[in-house]
Amino acid sequence: MNKISFPGLNLKFEISPIAFSVNNIDIYWYAIFMVFAFIVALIIFKINNRQI
């Protein structure tokens, strides 16, 4: 478990690095964020490519 805390707000969380599992395959949070960032980058690239 990873601990995340916000001392100024008096909040503390314990978050598992594994988001979910599918058929004994673990999907990690960082993989979800990387795929999301890649999709956003593709969308931005397509929008900018149309303007040229």
PDB file of N, CA and C in Angstrom:
ATOM      1  N   MET A   1       0.827  -1.174   0.000  1.00  0.00           N
ATOM      2  CA  MET A   1       0.000   0.000   0.000  1.00  0.00           C
ATOM      3  C   MET A   1       0.882   1.251   0.000  1.00  0.00           C
ATOM      4  N   ASN A   2       0.471   2.211  -0.768  1.00  0.00           N
ATOM      5  CA  ASN A   2       1.141   3.506  -0.787  1.00  0.00           C
ATOM      6  C   ASN A   2       0.327   4.483   0.038  1.00  0.00           C
ATOM      7  N   LYS A   3       1.027   5.275   0.834  1.00  0.00           N
ATOM      8  CA  LYS A   3       0.346   6.262   1.661  1.00  0.00           C
ATOM      9  C   LYS A   3       0.463   7.631   1.015  1.00  0.00           C
ATOM     10  N   ILE A   4      -0.665   8.307   0.903  1.00  0.00           N
ATOM     11  CA  ILE A   4      -0.715   9.666   0.382  1.00  0.00           C
ATOM     12  C   ILE A   4      -1.358  10.520   1.467  1.00  0.00           C
ATOM     13  N   SER A   5      -0.693  11.627   1.796  1.00  0.00           N
ATOM     14  CA  SER A   5      -1.263  12.481   2.838  1.00  0.00           C
ATOM     15  C   SER A   5      -1.227  13.938   2.412  1.00  0.00           C
ATOM     16  N   PHE A   6      -2.209  14.667   2.890  1.00  0.00           N
ATOM     17  CA  PHE A   6      -2.322  16.104   2.710  1.00  0.00           C
ATOM     18  C   PHE A   6      -2.381  16.709   4.111  1.00  0.00           C
ATOM     19  N   PRO A   7      -1.211  17.048   4.685  1.00  0.00           N
ATOM     20  CA  PRO A   7      -1.189  17.488   6.083  1.00  0.00           C
ATOM     21  C   PRO A   7      -2.018  18.750   6.337  1.00  0.00           C
ATOM     22  N   GLY A   8      -2.030  19.680   5.396  1.00  0.00           N
ATOM     23  CA  GLY A   8      -2.788  20.907   5.591  1.00  0.00           C
ATOM     24  C   GLY A   8      -4.285  20.668   5.674  1.00  0.00           C
ATOM     25  N   LEU A   9      -4.754  19.617   5.002  1.00  0.00           N
ATOM     26  CA  LEU A   9      -6.185  19.291   5.005  1.00  0.00           C
ATOM     27  C   LEU A   9      -6.522  18.175   5.986  1.00  0.00           C
ATOM     28  N   ASN A  10      -5.484  17.645   6.643  1.00  0.00           N
ATOM     29  CA  ASN A  10      -5.644  16.547   7.593  1.00  0.00           C
ATOM     30  C   ASN A  10      -6.283  15.321   6.935  1.00  0.00           C
ATOM     31  N   LEU A  11      -5.852  15.017   5.708  1.00  0.00           N
ATOM     32  CA  LEU A  11      -6.351  13.851   4.980  1.00  0.00           C
ATOM     33  C   LEU A  11      -5.224  12.851   4.771  1.00  0.00           C
ATOM     34  N   LYS A  12      -5.544  11.569   4.929  1.00  0.00           N
ATOM     35  CA  LYS A  12      -4.583  10.497   4.702  1.00  0.00           C
ATOM     36  C   LYS A  12      -5.277   9.369   3.945  1.00  0.00           C
ATOM     37  N   PHE A  13      -4.608   8.866   2.899  1.00  0.00           N
ATOM     38  CA  PHE A  13      -5.164   7.790   2.088  1.00  0.00           C
ATOM     39  C   PHE A  13      -4.142   6.676   1.951  1.00  0.00           C
ATOM     40  N   GLU A  14      -4.612   5.460   1.880  1.00  0.00           N
ATOM     41  CA  GLU A  14      -3.780   4.312   1.539  1.00  0.00           C
ATOM     42  C   GLU A  14      -4.319   3.744   0.243  1.00  0.00           C
ATOM     43  N   ILE A  15      -3.515   3.845  -0.814  1.00  0.00           N
ATOM     44  CA  ILE A  15      -3.957   3.443  -2.142  1.00  0.00           C
ATOM     45  C   ILE A  15      -3.089   2.302  -2.642  1.00  0.00           C
ATOM     46  N   SER A  16      -3.728   1.292  -3.152  1.00  0.00           N
ATOM     47  CA  SER A  16      -3.015   0.163  -3.743  1.00  0.00           C
ATOM     48  C   SER A  16      -2.498   0.565  -5.119  1.00  0.00           C
ATOM     49  N   PRO A  17      -1.281   0.133  -5.495  1.00  0.00           N
ATOM     50  CA  PRO A  17      -0.776   0.461  -6.830  1.00  0.00           C
ATOM     51  C   PRO A  17      -1.533  -0.271  -7.941  1.00  0.00           C
ATOM     52  N   ILE A  18      -2.284  -1.310  -7.587  1.00  0.00           N
ATOM     53  CA  ILE A  18      -3.054  -2.068  -8.561  1.00  0.00           C
ATOM     54  C   ILE A  18      -4.470  -1.505  -8.618  1.00  0.00           C
ATOM     55  N   ALA A  19      -4.886  -1.043  -9.804  1.00  0.00           N
ATOM     56  CA  ALA A  19      -6.225  -0.480  -9.962  1.00  0.00           C
ATOM     57  C   ALA A  19      -7.271  -1.591  -9.960  1.00  0.00           C
ATOM     58  N   PHE A  20      -7.039  -2.624 -10.797  1.00  0.00           N
ATOM     59  CA  PHE A  20      -7.944  -3.770 -10.843  1.00  0.00           C
ATOM     60  C   PHE A  20      -7.243  -4.936 -11.521  1.00  0.00           C
ATOM     61  N   SER A  21      -7.850  -6.103 -11.455  1.00  0.00           N
ATOM     62  CA  SER A  21      -7.289  -7.316 -12.059  1.00  0.00           C
ATOM     63  C   SER A  21      -8.301  -7.930 -13.006  1.00  0.00           C
ATOM     64  N   VAL A  22      -7.791  -8.451 -14.124  1.00  0.00           N
ATOM     65  CA  VAL A  22      -8.620  -9.145 -15.098  1.00  0.00           C
ATOM     66  C   VAL A  22      -7.941 -10.467 -15.418  1.00  0.00           C
ATOM     67  N   ASN A  23      -8.578 -11.568 -15.057  1.00  0.00           N
ATOM     68  CA  ASN A  23      -8.034 -12.905 -15.319  1.00  0.00           C
ATOM     69  C   ASN A  23      -6.580 -13.032 -14.882  1.00  0.00           C
ATOM     70  N   ASN A  24      -6.305 -12.712 -13.636  1.00  0.00           N
ATOM     71  CA  ASN A  24      -4.971 -12.800 -13.039  1.00  0.00           C
ATOM     72  C   ASN A  24      -3.951 -11.845 -13.667  1.00  0.00           C
ATOM     73  N   ILE A  25      -4.411 -10.838 -14.395  1.00  0.00           N
ATOM     74  CA  ILE A  25      -3.528  -9.807 -14.946  1.00  0.00           C
ATOM     75  C   ILE A  25      -3.821  -8.527 -14.169  1.00  0.00           C
ATOM     76  N   ASP A  26      -2.788  -8.006 -13.516  1.00  0.00           N
ATOM     77  CA  ASP A  26      -2.955  -6.797 -12.728  1.00  0.00           C
ATOM     78  C   ASP A  26      -2.799  -5.566 -13.612  1.00  0.00           C
ATOM     79  N   ILE A  27      -3.726  -4.634 -13.480  1.00  0.00           N
ATOM     80  CA  ILE A  27      -3.673  -3.357 -14.186  1.00  0.00           C
ATOM     81  C   ILE A  27      -3.302  -2.295 -13.155  1.00  0.00           C
ATOM     82  N   TYR A  28      -2.166  -1.643 -13.372  1.00  0.00           N
ATOM     83  CA  TYR A  28      -1.655  -0.663 -12.418  1.00  0.00           C
ATOM     84  C   TYR A  28      -2.129   0.740 -12.778  1.00  0.00           C
ATOM     85  N   TRP A  29      -2.191   1.597 -11.739  1.00  0.00           N
ATOM     86  CA  TRP A  29      -2.634   2.968 -11.935  1.00  0.00           C
ATOM     87  C   TRP A  29      -1.747   3.710 -12.920  1.00  0.00           C
ATOM     88  N   TYR A  30      -0.422   3.519 -12.831  1.00  0.00           N
ATOM     89  CA  TYR A  30       0.468   4.270 -13.713  1.00  0.00           C
ATOM     90  C   TYR A  30       0.253   3.879 -15.171  1.00  0.00           C
ATOM     91  N   ALA A  31      -0.134   2.658 -15.436  1.00  0.00           N
ATOM     92  CA  ALA A  31      -0.414   2.241 -16.814  1.00  0.00           C
ATOM     93  C   ALA A  31      -1.663   2.940 -17.343  1.00  0.00           C
ATOM     94  N   ILE A  32      -2.669   3.085 -16.488  1.00  0.00           N
ATOM     95  CA  ILE A  32      -3.890   3.787 -16.891  1.00  0.00           C
ATOM     96  C   ILE A  32      -3.567   5.244 -17.212  1.00  0.00           C
ATOM     97  N   PHE A  33      -2.752   5.888 -16.369  1.00  0.00           N
ATOM     98  CA  PHE A  33      -2.384   7.283 -16.610  1.00  0.00           C
ATOM     99  C   PHE A  33      -1.552   7.434 -17.878  1.00  0.00           C
ATOM    100  N   MET A  34      -0.671   6.493 -18.154  1.00  0.00           N
ATOM    101  CA  MET A  34       0.151   6.563 -19.366  1.00  0.00           C
ATOM    102  C   MET A  34      -0.710   6.426 -20.620  1.00  0.00           C
ATOM    103  N   VAL A  35      -1.659   5.511 -20.613  1.00  0.00           N
ATOM    104  CA  VAL A  35      -2.552   5.335 -21.763  1.00  0.00           C
ATOM    105  C   VAL A  35      -3.419   6.576 -21.944  1.00  0.00           C
ATOM    106  N   PHE A  36      -3.917   7.136 -20.851  1.00  0.00           N
ATOM    107  CA  PHE A  36      -4.718   8.351 -20.923  1.00  0.00           C
ATOM    108  C   PHE A  36      -3.907   9.508 -21.515  1.00  0.00           C
ATOM    109  N   ALA A  37      -2.668   9.666 -21.068  1.00  0.00           N
ATOM    110  CA  ALA A  37      -1.805  10.733 -21.591  1.00  0.00           C
ATOM    111  C   ALA A  37      -1.512  10.528 -23.077  1.00  0.00           C
ATOM    112  N   PHE A  38      -1.327   9.299 -23.498  1.00  0.00           N
ATOM    113  CA  PHE A  38      -1.073   9.001 -24.904  1.00  0.00           C
ATOM    114  C   PHE A  38      -2.293   9.357 -25.753  1.00  0.00           C
ATOM    115  N   ILE A  39      -3.483   9.023 -25.279  1.00  0.00           N
ATOM    116  CA  ILE A  39      -4.711   9.336 -26.020  1.00  0.00           C
ATOM    117  C   ILE A  39      -4.908  10.849 -26.112  1.00  0.00           C
ATOM    118  N   VAL A  40      -4.655  11.567 -25.018  1.00  0.00           N
ATOM    119  CA  VAL A  40      -4.771  13.024 -25.044  1.00  0.00           C
ATOM    120  C   VAL A  40      -3.763  13.611 -26.024  1.00  0.00           C
ATOM    121  N   ALA A  41      -2.540  13.088 -26.043  1.00  0.00           N
ATOM    122  CA  ALA A  41      -1.525  13.575 -26.974  1.00  0.00           C
ATOM    123  C   ALA A  41      -1.951  13.336 -28.426  1.00  0.00           C
ATOM    124  N   LEU A  42      -2.543  12.186 -28.719  1.00  0.00           N
ATOM    125  CA  LEU A  42      -3.029  11.915 -30.070  1.00  0.00           C
ATOM    126  C   LEU A  42      -4.142  12.874 -30.470  1.00  0.00           C
ATOM    127  N   ILE A  43      -5.042  13.158 -29.547  1.00  0.00           N
ATOM    128  CA  ILE A  43      -6.133  14.092 -29.841  1.00  0.00           C
ATOM    129  C   ILE A  43      -5.576  15.483 -30.121  1.00  0.00           C
ATOM    130  N   ILE A  44      -4.640  15.929 -29.312  1.00  0.00           N
ATOM    131  CA  ILE A  44      -4.026  17.246 -29.532  1.00  0.00           C
ATOM    132  C   ILE A  44      -3.285  17.277 -30.858  1.00  0.00           C
ATOM    133  N   PHE A  45      -2.576  16.219 -31.178  1.00  0.00           N
ATOM    134  CA  PHE A  45      -1.865  16.153 -32.448  1.00  0.00           C
ATOM    135  C   PHE A  45      -2.834  16.241 -33.626  1.00  0.00           C
ATOM    136  N   LYS A  46      -3.950  15.519 -33.558  1.00  0.00           N
ATOM    137  CA  LYS A  46      -4.930  15.554 -34.648  1.00  0.00           C
ATOM    138  C   LYS A  46      -5.563  16.933 -34.784  1.00  0.00           C
ATOM    139  N   ILE A  47      -5.857  17.587 -33.667  1.00  0.00           N
ATOM    140  CA  ILE A  47      -6.429  18.932 -33.726  1.00  0.00           C
ATOM    141  C   ILE A  47      -5.435  19.908 -34.343  1.00  0.00           C
ATOM    142  N   ASN A  48      -4.187  19.850 -33.937  1.00  0.00           N
ATOM    143  CA  ASN A  48      -3.161  20.748 -34.476  1.00  0.00           C
ATOM    144  C   ASN A  48      -2.842  20.425 -35.930  1.00  0.00           C
ATOM    145  N   ASN A  49      -2.953  19.182 -36.311  1.00  0.00           N
ATOM    146  CA  ASN A  49      -2.635  18.776 -37.687  1.00  0.00           C
ATOM    147  C   ASN A  49      -3.683  19.311 -38.658  1.00  0.00           C
ATOM    148  N   ARG A  50      -4.934  19.430 -38.222  1.00  0.00           N
ATOM    149  CA  ARG A  50      -5.995  19.953 -39.095  1.00  0.00           C
ATOM    150  C   ARG A  50      -5.810  21.437 -39.378  1.00  0.00           C
ATOM    151  N   GLN A  51      -5.234  22.148 -38.444  1.00  0.00           N
ATOM    152  CA  GLN A  51      -5.071  23.593 -38.594  1.00  0.00           C
ATOM    153  C   GLN A  51      -3.976  23.956 -39.576  1.00  0.00           C
ATOM    154  N   ILE A  52      -3.040  23.075 -39.800  1.00  0.00           N
ATOM    155  CA  ILE A  52      -1.910  23.364 -40.703  1.00  0.00           C
ATOM    156  C   ILE A  52      -2.305  23.205 -42.148  1.00  0.00           C
TER     157      ILE A  52
END
